[in-house]
PDB file of N, CA and C in Angstrom:
ATOM      1  N   MET A   1     100.570 117.306 -39.002  1.00  0.00           N
ATOM      2  CA  MET A   1     100.697 118.681 -38.551  1.00  0.00           C
ATOM      3  C   MET A   1     100.952 119.579 -39.760  1.00  0.00           C
ATOM      4  N   ALA A   2     100.271 120.705 -39.791  1.00  0.00           N
ATOM      5  CA  ALA A   2     100.435 121.679 -40.869  1.00  0.00           C
ATOM      6  C   ALA A   2     101.819 122.322 -40.768  1.00  0.00           C
ATOM      7  N   PRO A   3     102.350 122.774 -41.892  1.00  0.00           N
ATOM      8  CA  PRO A   3     103.673 123.398 -41.845  1.00  0.00           C
ATOM      9  C   PRO A   3     103.700 124.706 -41.058  1.00  0.00           C
ATOM     10  N   ILE A   4     102.570 125.423 -41.011  1.00  0.00           N
ATOM     11  CA  ILE A   4     102.537 126.687 -40.267  1.00  0.00           C
ATOM     12  C   ILE A   4     101.811 126.491 -38.944  1.00  0.00           C
ATOM     13  N   GLN A   5     102.485 126.927 -37.891  1.00  0.00           N
ATOM     14  CA  GLN A   5     101.907 126.962 -36.560  1.00  0.00           C
ATOM     15  C   GLN A   5     101.647 128.430 -36.251  1.00  0.00           C
ATOM     16  N   PHE A   6     100.410 128.745 -35.939  1.00  0.00           N
ATOM     17  CA  PHE A   6      99.973 130.124 -35.750  1.00  0.00           C
ATOM     18  C   PHE A   6      99.534 130.308 -34.303  1.00  0.00           C
ATOM     19  N   TYR A   7     100.236 131.187 -33.583  1.00  0.00           N
ATOM     20  CA  TYR A   7      99.933 131.471 -32.184  1.00  0.00           C
ATOM     21  C   TYR A   7      99.162 132.780 -32.137  1.00  0.00           C
ATOM     22  N   GLU A   8      97.995 132.728 -31.501  1.00  0.00           N
ATOM     23  CA  GLU A   8      97.102 133.888 -31.506  1.00  0.00           C
ATOM     24  C   GLU A   8      96.345 134.021 -30.200  1.00  0.00           C
ATOM     25  N   LEU A   9      95.784 135.201 -30.007  1.00  0.00           N
ATOM     26  CA  LEU A   9      94.970 135.526 -28.843  1.00  0.00           C
ATOM     27  C   LEU A   9      93.578 135.877 -29.331  1.00  0.00           C
ATOM     28  N   ASP A  10      92.557 135.266 -28.757  1.00  0.00           N
ATOM     29  CA  ASP A  10      91.175 135.572 -29.135  1.00  0.00           C
ATOM     30  C   ASP A  10      90.908 137.060 -28.952  1.00  0.00           C
ATOM     31  N   GLY A  11      90.285 137.665 -29.954  1.00  0.00           N
ATOM     32  CA  GLY A  11      89.926 139.069 -29.886  1.00  0.00           C
ATOM     33  C   GLY A  11      91.034 140.026 -30.294  1.00  0.00           C
ATOM     34  N   CYS A  12      92.197 139.514 -30.643  1.00  0.00           N
ATOM     35  CA  CYS A  12      93.330 140.352 -31.045  1.00  0.00           C
ATOM     36  C   CYS A  12      93.170 140.744 -32.518  1.00  0.00           C
ATOM     37  N   PRO A  13      93.061 142.048 -32.826  1.00  0.00           N
ATOM     38  CA  PRO A  13      92.874 142.455 -34.218  1.00  0.00           C
ATOM     39  C   PRO A  13      94.089 142.150 -35.106  1.00  0.00           C
ATOM     40  N   PHE A  14      95.273 142.157 -34.530  1.00  0.00           N
ATOM     41  CA  PHE A  14      96.477 141.845 -35.303  1.00  0.00           C
ATOM     42  C   PHE A  14      96.517 140.359 -35.662  1.00  0.00           C
ATOM     43  N   CYS A  15      96.057 139.535 -34.730  1.00  0.00           N
ATOM     44  CA  CYS A  15      95.965 138.098 -34.985  1.00  0.00           C
ATOM     45  C   CYS A  15      94.903 137.824 -36.051  1.00  0.00           C
ATOM     46  N   ALA A  16      93.790 138.534 -35.977  1.00  0.00           N
ATOM     47  CA  ALA A  16      92.725 138.364 -36.964  1.00  0.00           C
ATOM     48  C   ALA A  16      93.213 138.725 -38.361  1.00  0.00           C
ATOM     49  N   LYS A  17      94.056 139.743 -38.461  1.00  0.00           N
ATOM     50  CA  LYS A  17      94.630 140.151 -39.745  1.00  0.00           C
ATOM     51  C   LYS A  17      95.455 139.022 -40.351  1.00  0.00           C
ATOM     52  N   VAL A  18      96.271 138.370 -39.528  1.00  0.00           N
ATOM     53  CA  VAL A  18      97.099 137.249 -40.006  1.00  0.00           C
ATOM     54  C   VAL A  18      96.218 136.063 -40.363  1.00  0.00           C
ATOM     55  N   ARG A  19      95.246 135.735 -39.514  1.00  0.00           N
ATOM     56  CA  ARG A  19      94.344 134.611 -39.781  1.00  0.00           C
ATOM     57  C   ARG A  19      93.603 134.830 -41.095  1.00  0.00           C
ATOM     58  N   SER A  20      93.161 136.053 -41.332  1.00  0.00           N
ATOM     59  CA  SER A  20      92.461 136.382 -42.562  1.00  0.00           C
ATOM     60  C   SER A  20      93.356 136.147 -43.782  1.00  0.00           C
ATOM     61  N   LYS A  21      94.616 136.534 -43.694  1.00  0.00           N
ATOM     62  CA  LYS A  21      95.543 136.341 -44.812  1.00  0.00           C
ATOM     63  C   LYS A  21      95.819 134.856 -45.037  1.00  0.00           C
ATOM     64  N   LEU A  22      95.997 134.097 -43.971  1.00  0.00           N
ATOM     65  CA  LEU A  22      96.192 132.649 -44.103  1.00  0.00           C
ATOM     66  C   LEU A  22      95.005 132.020 -44.815  1.00  0.00           C
ATOM     67  N   ASP A  23      93.800 132.398 -44.391  1.00  0.00           N
ATOM     68  CA  ASP A  23      92.586 131.853 -45.000  1.00  0.00           C
ATOM     69  C   ASP A  23      92.440 132.302 -46.448  1.00  0.00           C
ATOM     70  N   GLU A  24      92.732 133.580 -46.710  1.00  0.00           N
ATOM     71  CA  GLU A  24      92.638 134.113 -48.070  1.00  0.00           C
ATOM     72  C   GLU A  24      93.549 133.349 -49.029  1.00  0.00           C
ATOM     73  N   LEU A  25      94.746 133.027 -48.568  1.00  0.00           N
ATOM     74  CA  LEU A  25      95.716 132.329 -49.415  1.00  0.00           C
ATOM     75  C   LEU A  25      95.512 130.813 -49.430  1.00  0.00           C
ATOM     76  N   GLY A  26      94.619 130.323 -48.575  1.00  0.00           N
ATOM     77  CA  GLY A  26      94.370 128.886 -48.505  1.00  0.00           C
ATOM     78  C   GLY A  26      95.541 128.108 -47.935  1.00  0.00           C
ATOM     79  N   VAL A  27      96.292 128.744 -47.047  1.00  0.00           N
ATOM     80  CA  VAL A  27      97.455 128.115 -46.435  1.00  0.00           C
ATOM     81  C   VAL A  27      96.997 127.267 -45.252  1.00  0.00           C
ATOM     82  N   GLU A  28      97.458 126.034 -45.216  1.00  0.00           N
ATOM     83  CA  GLU A  28      97.116 125.143 -44.113  1.00  0.00           C
ATOM     84  C   GLU A  28      97.917 125.545 -42.873  1.00  0.00           C
ATOM     85  N   TYR A  29      97.241 125.635 -41.749  1.00  0.00           N
ATOM     86  CA  TYR A  29      97.922 126.006 -40.506  1.00  0.00           C
ATOM     87  C   TYR A  29      97.205 125.396 -39.312  1.00  0.00           C
ATOM     88  N   ASP A  30      97.951 125.264 -38.230  1.00  0.00           N
ATOM     89  CA  ASP A  30      97.393 124.860 -36.951  1.00  0.00           C
ATOM     90  C   ASP A  30      97.384 126.095 -36.058  1.00  0.00           C
ATOM     91  N   SER A  31      96.262 126.369 -35.437  1.00  0.00           N
ATOM     92  CA  SER A  31      96.116 127.526 -34.570  1.00  0.00           C
ATOM     93  C   SER A  31      96.331 127.121 -33.113  1.00  0.00           C
ATOM     94  N   HIS A  32      97.056 127.962 -32.398  1.00  0.00           N
ATOM     95  CA  HIS A  32      97.307 127.751 -30.973  1.00  0.00           C
ATOM     96  C   HIS A  32      96.872 129.014 -30.238  1.00  0.00           C
ATOM     97  N   SER A  33      95.849 128.899 -29.405  1.00  0.00           N
ATOM     98  CA  SER A  33      95.398 130.036 -28.603  1.00  0.00           C
ATOM     99  C   SER A  33      96.336 130.201 -27.413  1.00  0.00           C
ATOM    100  N   VAL A  34      96.705 131.439 -27.141  1.00  0.00           N
ATOM    101  CA  VAL A  34      97.588 131.720 -26.011  1.00  0.00           C
ATOM    102  C   VAL A  34      96.798 132.408 -24.909  1.00  0.00           C
ATOM    103  N   PRO A  35      97.271 132.307 -23.675  1.00  0.00           N
ATOM    104  CA  PRO A  35      96.601 133.008 -22.578  1.00  0.00           C
ATOM    105  C   PRO A  35      96.712 134.521 -22.736  1.00  0.00           C
ATOM    106  N   SER A  36      95.777 135.243 -22.148  1.00  0.00           N
ATOM    107  CA  SER A  36      95.820 136.703 -22.244  1.00  0.00           C
ATOM    108  C   SER A  36      96.979 137.277 -21.432  1.00  0.00           C
ATOM    109  N   SER A  37      97.385 136.606 -20.400  1.00  0.00           N
ATOM    110  CA  SER A  37      98.495 137.071 -19.572  1.00  0.00           C
ATOM    111  C   SER A  37      99.836 136.768 -20.240  1.00  0.00           C
ATOM    112  N   HIS A  38     100.634 137.813 -20.439  1.00  0.00           N
ATOM    113  CA  HIS A  38     101.957 137.617 -21.041  1.00  0.00           C
ATOM    114  C   HIS A  38     102.800 136.655 -20.210  1.00  0.00           C
ATOM    115  N   ALA A  39     102.654 136.686 -18.890  1.00  0.00           N
ATOM    116  CA  ALA A  39     103.444 135.837 -18.003  1.00  0.00           C
ATOM    117  C   ALA A  39     103.154 134.349 -18.221  1.00  0.00           C
ATOM    118  N   GLU A  40     101.992 134.043 -18.765  1.00  0.00           N
ATOM    119  CA  GLU A  40     101.603 132.646 -18.980  1.00  0.00           C
ATOM    120  C   GLU A  40     101.902 132.149 -20.385  1.00  0.00           C
ATOM    121  N   ARG A  41     102.490 132.977 -21.231  1.00  0.00           N
ATOM    122  CA  ARG A  41     102.782 132.590 -22.613  1.00  0.00           C
ATOM    123  C   ARG A  41     104.174 131.958 -22.725  1.00  0.00           C
ATOM    124  N   THR A  42     104.408 130.965 -21.916  1.00  0.00           N
ATOM    125  CA  THR A  42     105.740 130.362 -21.846  1.00  0.00           C
ATOM    126  C   THR A  42     106.141 129.675 -23.143  1.00  0.00           C
ATOM    127  N   GLU A  43     105.205 129.041 -23.826  1.00  0.00           N
ATOM    128  CA  GLU A  43     105.539 128.349 -25.078  1.00  0.00           C
ATOM    129  C   GLU A  43     106.006 129.350 -26.136  1.00  0.00           C
ATOM    130  N   VAL A  44     105.296 130.455 -26.256  1.00  0.00           N
ATOM    131  CA  VAL A  44     105.673 131.487 -27.225  1.00  0.00           C
ATOM    132  C   VAL A  44     107.055 132.039 -26.872  1.00  0.00           C
ATOM    133  N   GLU A  45     107.287 132.296 -25.604  1.00  0.00           N
ATOM    134  CA  GLU A  45     108.564 132.855 -25.168  1.00  0.00           C
ATOM    135  C   GLU A  45     109.714 131.874 -25.401  1.00  0.00           C
ATOM    136  N   GLU A  46     109.470 130.592 -25.181  1.00  0.00           N
ATOM    137  CA  GLU A  46     110.518 129.586 -25.423  1.00  0.00           C
ATOM    138  C   GLU A  46     110.910 129.536 -26.898  1.00  0.00           C
ATOM    139  N   ILE A  47     109.948 129.743 -27.769  1.00  0.00           N
ATOM    140  CA  ILE A  47     110.207 129.676 -29.212  1.00  0.00           C
ATOM    141  C   ILE A  47     110.919 130.928 -29.703  1.00  0.00           C
ATOM    142  N   SER A  48     110.438 132.096 -29.283  1.00  0.00           N
ATOM    143  CA  SER A  48     110.900 133.337 -29.901  1.00  0.00           C
ATOM    144  C   SER A  48     111.648 134.287 -28.969  1.00  0.00           C
ATOM    145  N   GLY A  49     111.605 134.024 -27.678  1.00  0.00           N
ATOM    146  CA  GLY A  49     112.217 134.949 -26.739  1.00  0.00           C
ATOM    147  C   GLY A  49     111.324 136.129 -26.398  1.00  0.00           C
ATOM    148  N   GLN A  50     110.107 136.153 -26.943  1.00  0.00           N
ATOM    149  CA  GLN A  50     109.129 137.214 -26.687  1.00  0.00           C
ATOM    150  C   GLN A  50     107.791 136.584 -26.318  1.00  0.00           C
ATOM    151  N   THR A  51     106.881 137.404 -25.834  1.00  0.00           N
ATOM    152  CA  THR A  51     105.545 136.900 -25.493  1.00  0.00           C
ATOM    153  C   THR A  51     104.466 137.497 -26.391  1.00  0.00           C
ATOM    154  N   GLU A  52     104.870 138.246 -27.402  1.00  0.00           N
ATOM    155  CA  GLU A  52     103.915 138.916 -28.286  1.00  0.00           C
ATOM    156  C   GLU A  52     103.289 137.943 -29.294  1.00  0.00           C
ATOM    157  N   VAL A  53     102.033 138.190 -29.603  1.00  0.00           N
ATOM    158  CA  VAL A  53     101.339 137.492 -30.682  1.00  0.00           C
ATOM    159  C   VAL A  53     100.721 138.553 -31.570  1.00  0.00           C
ATOM    160  N   PRO A  54     100.488 138.252 -32.825  1.00  0.00           N
ATOM    161  CA  PRO A  54     100.597 136.949 -33.465  1.00  0.00           C
ATOM    162  C   PRO A  54     102.055 136.536 -33.657  1.00  0.00           C
ATOM    163  N   MET A  55     102.223 135.230 -33.793  1.00  0.00           N
ATOM    164  CA  MET A  55     103.522 134.653 -34.080  1.00  0.00           C
ATOM    165  C   MET A  55     103.293 133.422 -34.946  1.00  0.00           C
ATOM    166  N   ILE A  56     104.182 133.221 -35.915  1.00  0.00           N
ATOM    167  CA  ILE A  56     104.089 132.002 -36.721  1.00  0.00           C
ATOM    168  C   ILE A  56     105.418 131.280 -36.730  1.00  0.00           C
ATOM    169  N   ILE A  57     105.302 129.985 -36.965  1.00  0.00           N
ATOM    170  CA  ILE A  57     106.426 129.109 -37.282  1.00  0.00           C
ATOM    171  C   ILE A  57     106.067 128.495 -38.629  1.00  0.00           C
ATOM    172  N   ASP A  58     106.990 128.508 -39.569  1.00  0.00           N
ATOM    173  CA  ASP A  58     106.779 127.876 -40.870  1.00  0.00           C
ATOM    174  C   ASP A  58     107.912 126.876 -41.078  1.00  0.00           C
ATOM    175  N   SER A  59     107.643 125.640 -40.727  1.00  0.00           N
ATOM    176  CA  SER A  59     108.685 124.608 -40.773  1.00  0.00           C
ATOM    177  C   SER A  59     109.165 124.311 -42.186  1.00  0.00           C
ATOM    178  N   ASP A  60     108.334 124.572 -43.190  1.00  0.00           N
ATOM    179  CA  ASP A  60     108.746 124.335 -44.577  1.00  0.00           C
ATOM    180  C   ASP A  60     109.764 125.362 -45.067  1.00  0.00           C
ATOM    181  N   HIS A  61     109.849 126.505 -44.404  1.00  0.00           N
ATOM    182  CA  HIS A  61     110.743 127.573 -44.853  1.00  0.00           C
ATOM    183  C   HIS A  61     111.682 128.062 -43.751  1.00  0.00           C
ATOM    184  N   ASN A  62     111.876 127.226 -42.730  1.00  0.00           N
ATOM    185  CA  ASN A  62     112.811 127.541 -41.636  1.00  0.00           C
ATOM    186  C   ASN A  62     112.541 128.882 -40.967  1.00  0.00           C
ATOM    187  N   VAL A  63     111.270 129.208 -40.798  1.00  0.00           N
ATOM    188  CA  VAL A  63     110.874 130.428 -40.096  1.00  0.00           C
ATOM    189  C   VAL A  63     110.416 130.012 -38.708  1.00  0.00           C
ATOM    190  N   GLU A  64     111.067 130.550 -37.695  1.00  0.00           N
ATOM    191  CA  GLU A  64     110.729 130.184 -36.328  1.00  0.00           C
ATOM    192  C   GLU A  64     110.522 131.434 -35.497  1.00  0.00           C
ATOM    193  N   GLY A  65     109.290 131.661 -35.098  1.00  0.00           N
ATOM    194  CA  GLY A  65     108.995 132.766 -34.190  1.00  0.00           C
ATOM    195  C   GLY A  65     108.904 134.124 -34.856  1.00  0.00           C
ATOM    196  N   MET A  66     108.262 134.224 -36.018  1.00  0.00           N
ATOM    197  CA  MET A  66     108.072 135.516 -36.683  1.00  0.00           C
ATOM    198  C   MET A  66     106.910 136.255 -36.029  1.00  0.00           C
ATOM    199  N   HIS A  67     107.169 137.509 -35.634  1.00  0.00           N
ATOM    200  CA  HIS A  67     106.162 138.375 -35.006  1.00  0.00           C
ATOM    201  C   HIS A  67     105.803 139.515 -35.946  1.00  0.00           C
ATOM    202  N   GLU A  68     104.938 140.386 -35.472  1.00  0.00           N
ATOM    203  CA  GLU A  68     104.484 141.586 -36.169  1.00  0.00           C
ATOM    204  C   GLU A  68     103.561 141.222 -37.331  1.00  0.00           C
ATOM    205  N   SER A  69     102.320 141.569 -37.193  1.00  0.00           N
ATOM    206  CA  SER A  69     101.307 141.178 -38.180  1.00  0.00           C
ATOM    207  C   SER A  69     101.645 141.648 -39.588  1.00  0.00           C
ATOM    208  N   ASP A  70     102.137 142.879 -39.743  1.00  0.00           N
ATOM    209  CA  ASP A  70     102.478 143.369 -41.079  1.00  0.00           C
ATOM    210  C   ASP A  70     103.606 142.553 -41.704  1.00  0.00           C
ATOM    211  N   ASP A  71     104.598 142.192 -40.898  1.00  0.00           N
ATOM    212  CA  ASP A  71     105.705 141.367 -41.394  1.00  0.00           C
ATOM    213  C   ASP A  71     105.213 139.973 -41.788  1.00  0.00           C
ATOM    214  N   ILE A  72     104.340 139.421 -40.970  1.00  0.00           N
ATOM    215  CA  ILE A  72     103.812 138.080 -41.264  1.00  0.00           C
ATOM    216  C   ILE A  72     102.978 138.108 -42.544  1.00  0.00           C
ATOM    217  N   VAL A  73     102.104 139.101 -42.683  1.00  0.00           N
ATOM    218  CA  VAL A  73     101.262 139.203 -43.883  1.00  0.00           C
ATOM    219  C   VAL A  73     102.131 139.363 -45.133  1.00  0.00           C
ATOM    220  N   ALA A  74     103.146 140.209 -45.057  1.00  0.00           N
ATOM    221  CA  ALA A  74     104.055 140.393 -46.200  1.00  0.00           C
ATOM    222  C   ALA A  74     104.778 139.094 -46.528  1.00  0.00           C
ATOM    223  N   TYR A  75     105.229 138.387 -45.504  1.00  0.00           N
ATOM    224  CA  TYR A  75     105.899 137.095 -45.697  1.00  0.00           C
ATOM    225  C   TYR A  75     104.952 136.096 -46.364  1.00  0.00           C
ATOM    226  N   LEU A  76     103.726 136.012 -45.880  1.00  0.00           N
ATOM    227  CA  LEU A  76     102.757 135.071 -46.445  1.00  0.00           C
ATOM    228  C   LEU A  76     102.461 135.398 -47.897  1.00  0.00           C
ATOM    229  N   ASP A  77     102.275 136.675 -48.210  1.00  0.00           N
ATOM    230  CA  ASP A  77     102.048 137.076 -49.604  1.00  0.00           C
ATOM    231  C   ASP A  77     103.228 136.688 -50.478  1.00  0.00           C
ATOM    232  N   GLU A  78     104.436 136.962 -50.013  1.00  0.00           N
ATOM    233  CA  GLU A  78     105.638 136.681 -50.794  1.00  0.00           C
ATOM    234  C   GLU A  78     105.851 135.184 -50.963  1.00  0.00           C
ATOM    235  N   THR A  79     105.607 134.425 -49.905  1.00  0.00           N
ATOM    236  CA  THR A  79     105.906 132.995 -49.914  1.00  0.00           C
ATOM    237  C   THR A  79     104.795 132.159 -50.511  1.00  0.00           C
ATOM    238  N   TYR A  80     103.550 132.516 -50.223  1.00  0.00           N
ATOM    239  CA  TYR A  80     102.426 131.673 -50.622  1.00  0.00           C
ATOM    240  C   TYR A  80     101.471 132.342 -51.614  1.00  0.00           C
ATOM    241  N   GLY A  81     101.635 133.619 -51.872  1.00  0.00           N
ATOM    242  CA  GLY A  81     100.717 134.345 -52.732  1.00  0.00           C
ATOM    243  C   GLY A  81     100.666 133.838 -54.161  1.00  0.00           C
ATOM    244  N   SER A  82     101.798 133.415 -54.697  1.00  0.00           N
ATOM    245  CA  SER A  82     101.844 132.938 -56.086  1.00  0.00           C
ATOM    246  C   SER A  82     101.173 131.573 -56.247  1.00  0.00           C
ATOM    247  N   ALA A  83     100.988 130.875 -55.110  1.00  0.00           N
ATOM    248  CA  ALA A  83     100.396 129.534 -55.172  1.00  0.00           C
ATOM    249  C   ALA A  83      98.867 129.600 -55.254  1.00  0.00           C
ATOM    250  N   SER A  84      98.292 130.779 -54.976  1.00  0.00           N
ATOM    251  CA  SER A  84      96.821 130.857 -54.969  1.00  0.00           C
ATOM    252  C   SER A  84      96.265 131.125 -56.342  1.00  0.00           C
TER     253      SER A  84
END
């Protein structure tokens, strides 16, 4: 299993922004598609207390349930940007 677990919704522009940054940095991740209905996003809610995506978990850096695409992109740049 990759250290980053990425929860996303197909067609979500904010999710695409995060996916693009992960790919740009060459960061290994596992993608998890979530249902379009917020009520059905039980796994995301159990992890973070919210149903919003994108969301990442980074087990190598003790990050669990980070939301907000801008925050995630900034985190990825700060954490993994120097490795590229």
